[in-house]
């Protein structure tokens, strides 16, 4: 089974990215045969930046993304969204790639389930 997660919110301030990544990590742990893909849109592209300093009392999105990637998860950050936020040329977490709407469209048709956060 292939599961696509589309995340739209910034890493901190709401818990949408956190909850999406918790679900992805749980799926990988309980169902190792499930293929996980994560596409970061809008403010969620900020999740892809390395060396995050976690605000007091918050989870660390960078560590969570690295955990998903280390178990074979694929992660792309929207190039247009990254450019709009001035981060397109910045280094990203190892394993995260810049993606396009064509990539998202392909992942969507390949997915058995699409979860949007």
Protein backbone atom coordinates (compact mmCIF):
# COMPACT_ATOMS: atom_id res chain seq x y z
CA UNK A 1 0.00 0.00 0.00
CA UNK A 2 1.13 3.54 -0.77
CA UNK A 3 0.12 6.44 1.46
CA UNK A 4 0.66 10.06 0.48
CA UNK A 5 0.68 12.76 3.14
CA UNK A 6 0.17 16.34 1.98
CA UNK A 7 1.16 18.81 4.69
CA UNK A 8 0.21 22.50 4.36
CA UNK A 9 1.03 24.11 7.73
CA UNK A 10 4.27 25.45 9.18
CA UNK A 11 6.20 23.13 11.48
CA UNK A 12 5.31 25.07 14.60
CA UNK A 13 2.26 27.05 15.67
CA UNK A 14 -0.22 24.29 14.92
CA UNK A 15 0.08 20.56 15.33
CA UNK A 16 -0.83 19.54 11.77
CA UNK A 17 2.73 18.74 10.63
CA UNK A 18 3.38 16.99 13.94
CA UNK A 19 0.25 14.85 13.67
CA UNK A 20 0.93 13.97 10.03
CA UNK A 21 4.46 12.86 10.88
CA UNK A 22 3.29 10.92 13.94
CA UNK A 23 0.89 9.02 11.70
CA UNK A 24 3.56 8.41 9.06
CA UNK A 25 5.99 7.12 11.71
CA UNK A 26 3.32 4.87 13.25
CA UNK A 27 2.45 3.41 9.86
CA UNK A 28 6.13 2.68 9.20
CA UNK A 29 6.48 1.02 12.59
CA UNK A 30 3.29 -1.06 12.53
CA UNK A 31 3.16 -1.75 8.78
CA UNK A 32 6.72 -1.79 7.38
CA UNK A 33 5.42 -2.76 3.93
CA UNK A 34 3.51 0.54 3.54
CA UNK A 35 5.27 3.07 1.31
CA UNK A 36 5.18 6.59 2.73
CA UNK A 37 5.44 9.76 0.63
CA UNK A 38 5.22 13.26 2.09
CA UNK A 39 4.70 16.39 0.00
CA UNK A 40 5.25 19.70 1.78
CA UNK A 41 3.11 22.57 0.45
CA UNK A 42 2.66 26.23 1.42
CA UNK A 43 4.21 27.04 4.83
CA UNK A 44 5.01 23.35 5.38
CA UNK A 45 8.10 23.75 3.17
CA UNK A 46 9.73 25.31 6.25
CA UNK A 47 9.62 21.79 7.78
CA UNK A 48 12.40 20.82 5.34
CA UNK A 49 14.99 23.23 6.77
CA UNK A 50 17.79 21.63 8.84
CA UNK A 51 19.18 22.74 12.21
CA UNK A 52 15.83 23.65 13.69
CA UNK A 53 15.80 25.05 17.20
CA UNK A 54 12.68 23.64 18.75
CA UNK A 55 10.56 26.11 20.71
CA UNK A 56 10.14 25.32 24.40
CA UNK A 57 7.55 22.60 24.86
CA UNK A 58 7.43 21.56 21.18
CA UNK A 59 8.34 18.42 19.28
CA UNK A 60 11.15 18.56 16.70
CA UNK A 61 9.86 18.29 13.12
CA UNK A 62 13.35 17.88 11.68
CA UNK A 63 13.98 14.75 13.78
CA UNK A 64 10.59 13.36 12.81
CA UNK A 65 11.21 13.92 9.08
CA UNK A 66 14.66 12.31 9.38
CA UNK A 67 13.05 9.29 11.07
CA UNK A 68 10.54 8.87 8.22
CA UNK A 69 13.29 9.23 5.60
CA UNK A 70 15.55 6.76 7.40
CA UNK A 71 12.84 4.11 7.03
CA UNK A 72 12.46 4.66 3.31
CA UNK A 73 9.94 7.50 3.25
CA UNK A 74 10.07 9.92 0.34
CA UNK A 75 9.80 13.66 1.03
CA UNK A 76 9.50 16.54 -1.41
CA UNK A 77 9.00 20.24 -0.76
CA UNK A 78 7.07 22.30 -3.31
CA UNK A 79 9.51 24.35 -5.38
CA UNK A 80 7.07 27.18 -6.05
CA UNK A 81 6.19 27.41 -2.35
CA UNK A 82 9.88 27.29 -1.40
CA UNK A 83 10.71 30.05 -3.85
CA UNK A 84 7.84 32.22 -2.59
CA UNK A 85 9.21 31.90 0.95
CA UNK A 86 12.83 32.59 -0.04
CA UNK A 87 14.15 29.14 0.88
CA UNK A 88 14.53 27.48 -2.55
CA UNK A 89 18.32 27.93 -2.59
CA UNK A 90 18.87 26.94 1.04
CA UNK A 91 20.13 23.49 2.03
CA UNK A 92 17.38 21.08 3.05
CA UNK A 93 17.30 18.13 5.42
CA UNK A 94 19.21 15.27 3.81
CA UNK A 95 16.77 13.19 1.80
CA UNK A 96 14.30 16.01 1.09
CA UNK A 97 14.05 17.09 -2.54
CA UNK A 98 12.44 20.06 -4.23
CA UNK A 99 9.31 18.89 -6.05
CA UNK A 100 6.82 20.15 -8.57
CA UNK A 101 3.07 19.96 -9.04
CA UNK A 102 3.77 17.27 -11.64
CA UNK A 103 5.52 15.24 -8.89
CA UNK A 104 2.56 15.73 -6.57
CA UNK A 105 0.14 14.74 -9.31
CA UNK A 106 2.14 11.56 -10.01
CA UNK A 107 2.34 10.63 -6.33
CA UNK A 108 -1.41 11.24 -6.01
CA UNK A 109 -2.34 8.85 -8.80
CA UNK A 110 0.10 6.25 -7.47
CA UNK A 111 -1.23 6.48 -3.90
CA UNK A 112 -3.81 4.13 -2.45
CA UNK A 113 -4.63 6.71 0.22
CA UNK A 114 -4.04 10.46 0.39
CA UNK A 115 -4.10 12.20 3.77
CA UNK A 116 -4.12 16.00 3.87
CA UNK A 117 -3.04 17.93 6.95
